[in-house]
């Protein structure tokens, strides 16, 4: 609701172009429609607008700039399969239910582990992208499933919250932690051996492309409908340190 209000205010202010990273894939549609009506070009970044809702509203989007969240989830799942030799008991910390980004990461991860029957998902619960909820939710999961040995969090804030819950339970070094976004705090935790991996999706490149694309749209230049940035897996070994395990 706050993002919709911000967009509507920018439309009324008469901005020349708009770059939007949707907080809600469907909820943002009405605000973008107002930008369309005002003739303001819209560049969507990181999270796609829901395709059905966009089609129903007749939205016109200049370009989508982001990474393949499904593939990122697959990369995280494939890492788990390799590291665990196909045997693990997993908890998943989901983002906001119905959010395209989190749903795609979750689907990719589940598809990657589907062929490994020794990898069991014991619990999968939302922690709404937040660090404090990651802590609370995973603390409860640790108590409910004492044999957990792995957590996959759909973003690093939740993963970092899970790390705090692991430390509070005195289980440092006993639970594999895989995150997404490769935030600075997550990279530090990986370097220290407290976290195993995180998927990096080049947010700086997304931002650069978004502004370049917006400027081109203002000038009336043609731009690609989609511009995808690379994703990589950050691990302690890949960073040049000795493996944590």
C-alpha atoms as a PDB file:
ATOM      1  CA  UNK A   1       0.000   0.000   0.000  1.00  0.00           C
ATOM      2  CA  UNK A   2       2.859   2.358   0.813  1.00  0.00           C
ATOM      3  CA  UNK A   3       4.564   1.645  -2.505  1.00  0.00           C
ATOM      4  CA  UNK A   4       1.342   2.246  -4.434  1.00  0.00           C
ATOM      5  CA  UNK A   5       0.987   5.594  -2.672  1.00  0.00           C
ATOM      6  CA  UNK A   6       4.592   6.547  -3.504  1.00  0.00           C
ATOM      7  CA  UNK A   7       4.125   5.664  -7.188  1.00  0.00           C
ATOM      8  CA  UNK A   8       0.878   7.630  -7.389  1.00  0.00           C
ATOM      9  CA  UNK A   9       2.603  10.658  -5.851  1.00  0.00           C
ATOM     10  CA  UNK A  10       5.428  10.402  -8.388  1.00  0.00           C
ATOM     11  CA  UNK A  11       2.920  10.181 -11.237  1.00  0.00           C
ATOM     12  CA  UNK A  12       1.183  13.323  -9.965  1.00  0.00           C
ATOM     13  CA  UNK A  13       4.575  15.036  -9.694  1.00  0.00           C
ATOM     14  CA  UNK A  14       5.078  14.369 -13.410  1.00  0.00           C
ATOM     15  CA  UNK A  15       8.301  12.375 -13.393  1.00  0.00           C
ATOM     16  CA  UNK A  16       9.756  11.575 -16.812  1.00  0.00           C
ATOM     17  CA  UNK A  17      10.233   7.852 -16.160  1.00  0.00           C
ATOM     18  CA  UNK A  18       9.668   5.365 -13.368  1.00  0.00           C
ATOM     19  CA  UNK A  19      11.806   2.429 -12.173  1.00  0.00           C
ATOM     20  CA  UNK A  20       9.843   0.074  -9.914  1.00  0.00           C
ATOM     21  CA  UNK A  21      10.934  -2.942  -7.875  1.00  0.00           C
ATOM     22  CA  UNK A  22       7.455  -4.251  -6.981  1.00  0.00           C
ATOM     23  CA  UNK A  23       6.723  -5.053  -3.351  1.00  0.00           C
ATOM     24  CA  UNK A  24       3.673  -6.959  -4.574  1.00  0.00           C
ATOM     25  CA  UNK A  25       3.522  -8.466  -8.050  1.00  0.00           C
ATOM     26  CA  UNK A  26      -0.241  -7.965  -8.340  1.00  0.00           C
ATOM     27  CA  UNK A  27      -0.836  -5.124  -5.923  1.00  0.00           C
ATOM     28  CA  UNK A  28       1.378  -2.676  -7.832  1.00  0.00           C
ATOM     29  CA  UNK A  29      -0.580  -3.038 -11.084  1.00  0.00           C
ATOM     30  CA  UNK A  30      -3.116  -0.281 -10.394  1.00  0.00           C
ATOM     31  CA  UNK A  31      -0.366   2.266  -9.720  1.00  0.00           C
ATOM     32  CA  UNK A  32       1.591   1.327 -12.848  1.00  0.00           C
ATOM     33  CA  UNK A  33      -1.639   1.663 -14.847  1.00  0.00           C
ATOM     34  CA  UNK A  34      -1.846   5.296 -13.688  1.00  0.00           C
ATOM     35  CA  UNK A  35       1.721   5.855 -14.884  1.00  0.00           C
ATOM     36  CA  UNK A  36       0.718   4.386 -18.258  1.00  0.00           C
ATOM     37  CA  UNK A  37      -2.269   6.734 -18.447  1.00  0.00           C
ATOM     38  CA  UNK A  38       0.061   9.672 -17.766  1.00  0.00           C
ATOM     39  CA  UNK A  39       2.423   8.564 -20.535  1.00  0.00           C
ATOM     40  CA  UNK A  40       5.260   7.812 -18.115  1.00  0.00           C
ATOM     41  CA  UNK A  41       7.531   4.920 -19.235  1.00  0.00           C
ATOM     42  CA  UNK A  42       7.871   2.215 -16.571  1.00  0.00           C
ATOM     43  CA  UNK A  43      10.917  -0.023 -16.068  1.00  0.00           C
ATOM     44  CA  UNK A  44      10.355  -3.000 -13.750  1.00  0.00           C
ATOM     45  CA  UNK A  45      13.325  -4.218 -11.702  1.00  0.00           C
ATOM     46  CA  UNK A  46      14.059  -7.462  -9.818  1.00  0.00           C
ATOM     47  CA  UNK A  47      10.475  -8.703  -9.309  1.00  0.00           C
ATOM     48  CA  UNK A  48       8.150  -9.263 -12.238  1.00  0.00           C
ATOM     49  CA  UNK A  49       4.667  -7.821 -12.357  1.00  0.00           C
ATOM     50  CA  UNK A  50       2.079 -10.611 -12.309  1.00  0.00           C
ATOM     51  CA  UNK A  51       1.486 -11.496 -15.965  1.00  0.00           C
ATOM     52  CA  UNK A  52      -2.261 -12.158 -15.681  1.00  0.00           C
ATOM     53  CA  UNK A  53      -2.928  -8.985 -13.696  1.00  0.00           C
ATOM     54  CA  UNK A  54      -0.805  -6.953 -16.106  1.00  0.00           C
ATOM     55  CA  UNK A  55      -2.642  -8.354 -19.116  1.00  0.00           C
ATOM     56  CA  UNK A  56      -6.046  -7.722 -17.521  1.00  0.00           C
ATOM     57  CA  UNK A  57      -5.082  -4.096 -16.882  1.00  0.00           C
ATOM     58  CA  UNK A  58      -3.506  -3.666 -20.325  1.00  0.00           C
ATOM     59  CA  UNK A  59      -0.197  -2.563 -18.812  1.00  0.00           C
ATOM     60  CA  UNK A  60       2.632  -1.370 -21.021  1.00  0.00           C
ATOM     61  CA  UNK A  61       6.072  -1.975 -19.521  1.00  0.00           C
ATOM     62  CA  UNK A  62       9.221  -0.667 -21.171  1.00  0.00           C
ATOM     63  CA  UNK A  63      11.516  -3.422 -19.907  1.00  0.00           C
ATOM     64  CA  UNK A  64      12.040  -5.970 -17.138  1.00  0.00           C
ATOM     65  CA  UNK A  65      15.509  -6.068 -15.584  1.00  0.00           C
ATOM     66  CA  UNK A  66      16.350  -8.854 -13.186  1.00  0.00           C
ATOM     67  CA  UNK A  67      17.788 -12.279 -12.634  1.00  0.00           C
ATOM     68  CA  UNK A  68      16.221 -15.702 -13.059  1.00  0.00           C
ATOM     69  CA  UNK A  69      14.950 -16.407  -9.552  1.00  0.00           C
ATOM     70  CA  UNK A  70      13.855 -19.908 -10.484  1.00  0.00           C
ATOM     71  CA  UNK A  71      17.352 -20.721 -11.721  1.00  0.00           C
ATOM     72  CA  UNK A  72      18.827 -19.175  -8.584  1.00  0.00           C
ATOM     73  CA  UNK A  73      16.703 -21.478  -6.467  1.00  0.00           C
ATOM     74  CA  UNK A  74      17.867 -24.418  -8.562  1.00  0.00           C
ATOM     75  CA  UNK A  75      21.493 -23.421  -8.023  1.00  0.00           C
ATOM     76  CA  UNK A  76      20.920 -23.382  -4.257  1.00  0.00           C
ATOM     77  CA  UNK A  77      19.240 -26.799  -4.412  1.00  0.00           C
ATOM     78  CA  UNK A  78      21.970 -28.289  -6.585  1.00  0.00           C
ATOM     79  CA  UNK A  79      24.567 -27.023  -4.101  1.00  0.00           C
ATOM     80  CA  UNK A  80      22.721 -28.817  -1.302  1.00  0.00           C
ATOM     81  CA  UNK A  81      22.585 -32.054  -3.309  1.00  0.00           C
ATOM     82  CA  UNK A  82      26.355 -31.907  -3.853  1.00  0.00           C
ATOM     83  CA  UNK A  83      27.298 -30.880  -0.337  1.00  0.00           C
ATOM     84  CA  UNK A  84      25.011 -33.365   1.392  1.00  0.00           C
ATOM     85  CA  UNK A  85      25.702 -36.243  -1.037  1.00  0.00           C
ATOM     86  CA  UNK A  86      21.936 -36.432  -1.471  1.00  0.00           C
ATOM     87  CA  UNK A  87      20.997 -36.832   2.197  1.00  0.00           C
ATOM     88  CA  UNK A  88      19.644 -33.948   4.303  1.00  0.00           C
ATOM     89  CA  UNK A  89      16.757 -32.902   6.542  1.00  0.00           C
ATOM     90  CA  UNK A  90      15.720 -29.445   5.452  1.00  0.00           C
ATOM     91  CA  UNK A  91      13.692 -26.497   6.678  1.00  0.00           C
ATOM     92  CA  UNK A  92      12.777 -23.729   4.230  1.00  0.00           C
ATOM     93  CA  UNK A  93      12.191 -20.097   5.172  1.00  0.00           C
ATOM     94  CA  UNK A  94       9.892 -18.643   2.538  1.00  0.00           C
ATOM     95  CA  UNK A  95       9.340 -14.999   1.653  1.00  0.00           C
ATOM     96  CA  UNK A  96       5.913 -13.362   1.489  1.00  0.00           C
ATOM     97  CA  UNK A  97       3.415 -15.942   0.171  1.00  0.00           C
ATOM     98  CA  UNK A  98       2.333 -15.109  -3.365  1.00  0.00           C
ATOM     99  CA  UNK A  99       5.353 -12.873  -4.030  1.00  0.00           C
ATOM    100  CA  UNK A 100       6.727 -13.826  -7.453  1.00  0.00           C
ATOM    101  CA  UNK A 101      10.379 -13.579  -6.457  1.00  0.00           C
ATOM    102  CA  UNK A 102      10.142 -15.838  -3.427  1.00  0.00           C
ATOM    103  CA  UNK A 103       7.781 -18.292  -5.081  1.00  0.00           C
ATOM    104  CA  UNK A 104      10.172 -18.729  -8.026  1.00  0.00           C
ATOM    105  CA  UNK A 105      13.181 -19.288  -5.750  1.00  0.00           C
ATOM    106  CA  UNK A 106      11.241 -21.813  -3.722  1.00  0.00           C
ATOM    107  CA  UNK A 107      10.046 -23.684  -6.822  1.00  0.00           C
ATOM    108  CA  UNK A 108      13.556 -23.825  -8.275  1.00  0.00           C
ATOM    109  CA  UNK A 109      15.009 -25.166  -5.024  1.00  0.00           C
ATOM    110  CA  UNK A 110      12.337 -27.849  -4.683  1.00  0.00           C
ATOM    111  CA  UNK A 111      12.749 -28.926  -8.306  1.00  0.00           C
ATOM    112  CA  UNK A 112      16.517 -29.241  -7.838  1.00  0.00           C
ATOM    113  CA  UNK A 113      16.199 -31.586  -4.853  1.00  0.00           C
ATOM    114  CA  UNK A 114      13.227 -33.542  -6.208  1.00  0.00           C
ATOM    115  CA  UNK A 115      15.414 -36.287  -7.693  1.00  0.00           C
ATOM    116  CA  UNK A 116      17.181 -36.876  -4.350  1.00  0.00           C
ATOM    117  CA  UNK A 117      14.803 -38.862  -2.122  1.00  0.00           C
ATOM    118  CA  UNK A 118      17.348 -38.715   0.698  1.00  0.00           C
ATOM    119  CA  UNK A 119      16.760 -34.961   0.969  1.00  0.00           C
ATOM    120  CA  UNK A 120      13.591 -34.455   2.994  1.00  0.00           C
ATOM    121  CA  UNK A 121      11.864 -31.109   3.538  1.00  0.00           C
ATOM    122  CA  UNK A 122      10.601 -31.320   7.112  1.00  0.00           C
ATOM    123  CA  UNK A 123       9.073 -27.839   7.212  1.00  0.00           C
ATOM    124  CA  UNK A 124       8.510 -24.850   4.929  1.00  0.00           C
ATOM    125  CA  UNK A 125       7.192 -21.647   6.480  1.00  0.00           C
ATOM    126  CA  UNK A 126       7.064 -17.937   5.585  1.00  0.00           C
ATOM    127  CA  UNK A 127       9.302 -15.502   7.442  1.00  0.00           C
ATOM    128  CA  UNK A 128       8.253 -12.597   5.192  1.00  0.00           C
ATOM    129  CA  UNK A 129      11.778 -11.581   4.114  1.00  0.00           C
ATOM    130  CA  UNK A 130      12.597 -10.260   7.617  1.00  0.00           C
ATOM    131  CA  UNK A 131      15.562 -11.051   9.845  1.00  0.00           C
ATOM    132  CA  UNK A 132      13.630 -11.030  13.117  1.00  0.00           C
ATOM    133  CA  UNK A 133      10.978 -13.333  11.687  1.00  0.00           C
ATOM    134  CA  UNK A 134      13.722 -15.587  10.328  1.00  0.00           C
ATOM    135  CA  UNK A 135      15.015 -15.868  13.889  1.00  0.00           C
ATOM    136  CA  UNK A 136      11.613 -16.551  15.470  1.00  0.00           C
ATOM    137  CA  UNK A 137      10.356 -18.975  12.826  1.00  0.00           C
ATOM    138  CA  UNK A 138      13.576 -20.973  12.707  1.00  0.00           C
ATOM    139  CA  UNK A 139      13.869 -21.044  16.493  1.00  0.00           C
ATOM    140  CA  UNK A 140      10.450 -22.706  16.584  1.00  0.00           C
ATOM    141  CA  UNK A 141      11.414 -25.094  13.785  1.00  0.00           C
ATOM    142  CA  UNK A 142      14.562 -26.149  15.648  1.00  0.00           C
ATOM    143  CA  UNK A 143      12.448 -27.066  18.641  1.00  0.00           C
ATOM    144  CA  UNK A 144       9.869 -28.919  16.549  1.00  0.00           C
ATOM    145  CA  UNK A 145      12.413 -30.775  14.386  1.00  0.00           C
ATOM    146  CA  UNK A 146      15.522 -31.524  16.418  1.00  0.00           C
ATOM    147  CA  UNK A 147      17.042 -33.558  13.600  1.00  0.00           C
ATOM    148  CA  UNK A 148      17.180 -30.625  11.158  1.00  0.00           C
ATOM    149  CA  UNK A 149      20.587 -30.295   9.533  1.00  0.00           C
ATOM    150  CA  UNK A 150      19.917 -27.740   6.772  1.00  0.00           C
ATOM    151  CA  UNK A 151      18.033 -24.497   6.221  1.00  0.00           C
ATOM    152  CA  UNK A 152      17.404 -22.804   2.878  1.00  0.00           C
ATOM    153  CA  UNK A 153      16.202 -19.219   3.228  1.00  0.00           C
ATOM    154  CA  UNK A 154      14.757 -17.414   0.209  1.00  0.00           C
ATOM    155  CA  UNK A 155      16.735 -14.310   1.172  1.00  0.00           C
ATOM    156  CA  UNK A 156      19.765 -13.550   3.320  1.00  0.00           C
ATOM    157  CA  UNK A 157      17.933 -11.519   5.948  1.00  0.00           C
ATOM    158  CA  UNK A 158      15.959 -14.614   6.920  1.00  0.00           C
ATOM    159  CA  UNK A 159      19.118 -16.732   6.688  1.00  0.00           C
ATOM    160  CA  UNK A 160      20.919 -14.357   9.057  1.00  0.00           C
ATOM    161  CA  UNK A 161      17.983 -14.593  11.457  1.00  0.00           C
ATOM    162  CA  UNK A 162      18.265 -18.382  11.268  1.00  0.00           C
ATOM    163  CA  UNK A 163      21.980 -18.104  12.103  1.00  0.00           C
ATOM    164  CA  UNK A 164      21.081 -16.195  15.249  1.00  0.00           C
ATOM    165  CA  UNK A 165      18.576 -18.906  16.207  1.00  0.00           C
ATOM    166  CA  UNK A 166      21.215 -21.579  15.607  1.00  0.00           C
ATOM    167  CA  UNK A 167      23.688 -19.741  17.839  1.00  0.00           C
ATOM    168  CA  UNK A 168      21.063 -19.276  20.557  1.00  0.00           C
ATOM    169  CA  UNK A 169      20.366 -23.012  20.481  1.00  0.00           C
ATOM    170  CA  UNK A 170      24.080 -23.799  20.789  1.00  0.00           C
ATOM    171  CA  UNK A 171      24.134 -25.578  17.438  1.00  0.00           C
ATOM    172  CA  UNK A 172      26.791 -23.549  15.621  1.00  0.00           C
ATOM    173  CA  UNK A 173      28.537 -25.651  12.974  1.00  0.00           C
ATOM    174  CA  UNK A 174      25.872 -28.359  13.000  1.00  0.00           C
ATOM    175  CA  UNK A 175      23.338 -26.901  10.573  1.00  0.00           C
ATOM    176  CA  UNK A 176      24.013 -26.086   6.928  1.00  0.00           C
ATOM    177  CA  UNK A 177      22.732 -22.592   6.023  1.00  0.00           C
ATOM    178  CA  UNK A 178      22.029 -21.532   2.427  1.00  0.00           C
ATOM    179  CA  UNK A 179      20.735 -18.047   1.643  1.00  0.00           C
ATOM    180  CA  UNK A 180      19.998 -15.808  -1.310  1.00  0.00           C
ATOM    181  CA  UNK A 181      21.221 -12.282  -2.263  1.00  0.00           C
ATOM    182  CA  UNK A 182      24.833 -12.474  -1.011  1.00  0.00           C
ATOM    183  CA  UNK A 183      24.440  -9.437   1.250  1.00  0.00           C
ATOM    184  CA  UNK A 184      27.588  -8.128   2.932  1.00  0.00           C
ATOM    185  CA  UNK A 185      26.634  -9.691   6.287  1.00  0.00           C
ATOM    186  CA  UNK A 186      26.019 -13.013   4.557  1.00  0.00           C
ATOM    187  CA  UNK A 187      29.353 -12.874   2.744  1.00  0.00           C
ATOM    188  CA  UNK A 188      31.047 -12.206   6.087  1.00  0.00           C
ATOM    189  CA  UNK A 189      29.253 -15.172   7.653  1.00  0.00           C
ATOM    190  CA  UNK A 190      30.342 -17.371   4.729  1.00  0.00           C
ATOM    191  CA  UNK A 191      33.950 -16.220   5.076  1.00  0.00           C
ATOM    192  CA  UNK A 192      33.798 -17.047   8.798  1.00  0.00           C
ATOM    193  CA  UNK A 193      32.370 -20.504   8.102  1.00  0.00           C
ATOM    194  CA  UNK A 194      29.049 -19.828   9.864  1.00  0.00           C
ATOM    195  CA  UNK A 195      27.068 -19.881   6.618  1.00  0.00           C
ATOM    196  CA  UNK A 196      27.588 -22.231   3.676  1.00  0.00           C
ATOM    197  CA  UNK A 197      26.407 -20.404   0.564  1.00  0.00           C
ATOM    198  CA  UNK A 198      24.306 -17.619  -0.893  1.00  0.00           C
ATOM    199  CA  UNK A 199      23.095 -16.892  -4.417  1.00  0.00           C
ATOM    200  CA  UNK A 200      24.326 -13.516  -5.722  1.00  0.00           C
ATOM    201  CA  UNK A 201      22.224 -11.699  -8.300  1.00  0.00           C
ATOM    202  CA  UNK A 202      24.196  -8.519  -9.137  1.00  0.00           C
ATOM    203  CA  UNK A 203      21.881  -5.798  -7.771  1.00  0.00           C
ATOM    204  CA  UNK A 204      24.358  -3.067  -8.789  1.00  0.00           C
ATOM    205  CA  UNK A 205      24.097  -4.206 -12.396  1.00  0.00           C
ATOM    206  CA  UNK A 206      20.295  -4.212 -12.162  1.00  0.00           C
ATOM    207  CA  UNK A 207      20.342  -0.640 -10.880  1.00  0.00           C
ATOM    208  CA  UNK A 208      22.726   0.531 -13.604  1.00  0.00           C
ATOM    209  CA  UNK A 209      20.679  -1.084 -16.362  1.00  0.00           C
ATOM    210  CA  UNK A 210      17.439   0.288 -14.932  1.00  0.00           C
ATOM    211  CA  UNK A 211      18.646   3.888 -15.039  1.00  0.00           C
ATOM    212  CA  UNK A 212      20.225   3.504 -18.480  1.00  0.00           C
ATOM    213  CA  UNK A 213      16.994   1.976 -19.777  1.00  0.00           C
ATOM    214  CA  UNK A 214      14.858   4.733 -18.241  1.00  0.00           C
ATOM    215  CA  UNK A 215      17.016   7.413 -19.910  1.00  0.00           C
ATOM    216  CA  UNK A 216      16.732   5.646 -23.264  1.00  0.00           C
ATOM    217  CA  UNK A 217      12.955   5.417 -22.839  1.00  0.00           C
ATOM    218  CA  UNK A 218      12.758   9.154 -22.108  1.00  0.00           C
ATOM    219  CA  UNK A 219      14.702   9.797 -25.326  1.00  0.00           C
ATOM    220  CA  UNK A 220      12.364   7.520 -27.266  1.00  0.00           C
ATOM    221  CA  UNK A 221      15.064   4.947 -28.004  1.00  0.00           C
ATOM    222  CA  UNK A 222      14.232   1.242 -28.374  1.00  0.00           C
ATOM    223  CA  UNK A 223      15.151  -1.010 -25.448  1.00  0.00           C
ATOM    224  CA  UNK A 224      14.960  -4.809 -24.958  1.00  0.00           C
ATOM    225  CA  UNK A 225      11.773  -6.111 -23.365  1.00  0.00           C
ATOM    226  CA  UNK A 226      13.891  -8.176 -20.955  1.00  0.00           C
ATOM    227  CA  UNK A 227      17.420  -7.705 -19.667  1.00  0.00           C
ATOM    228  CA  UNK A 228      18.701 -10.513 -17.460  1.00  0.00           C
ATOM    229  CA  UNK A 229      21.738 -10.208 -15.192  1.00  0.00           C
ATOM    230  CA  UNK A 230      24.009 -13.081 -14.205  1.00  0.00           C
ATOM    231  CA  UNK A 231      23.645 -15.077 -10.984  1.00  0.00           C
ATOM    232  CA  UNK A 232      26.461 -16.826  -9.157  1.00  0.00           C
ATOM    233  CA  UNK A 233      26.858 -18.950  -6.048  1.00  0.00           C
ATOM    234  CA  UNK A 234      28.988 -17.504  -3.268  1.00  0.00           C
ATOM    235  CA  UNK A 235      30.677 -20.124  -1.069  1.00  0.00           C
ATOM    236  CA  UNK A 236      33.651 -20.056   1.266  1.00  0.00           C
ATOM    237  CA  UNK A 237      35.611 -22.254  -1.135  1.00  0.00           C
ATOM    238  CA  UNK A 238      34.730 -20.043  -4.112  1.00  0.00           C
ATOM    239  CA  UNK A 239      35.909 -17.009  -2.154  1.00  0.00           C
ATOM    240  CA  UNK A 240      39.333 -18.604  -1.769  1.00  0.00           C
ATOM    241  CA  UNK A 241      39.037 -19.819   1.807  1.00  0.00           C
ATOM    242  CA  UNK A 242      39.198 -23.386   3.011  1.00  0.00           C
ATOM    243  CA  UNK A 243      35.820 -25.167   3.052  1.00  0.00           C
ATOM    244  CA  UNK A 244      33.945 -24.906   6.340  1.00  0.00           C
ATOM    245  CA  UNK A 245      33.173 -28.625   6.327  1.00  0.00           C
END
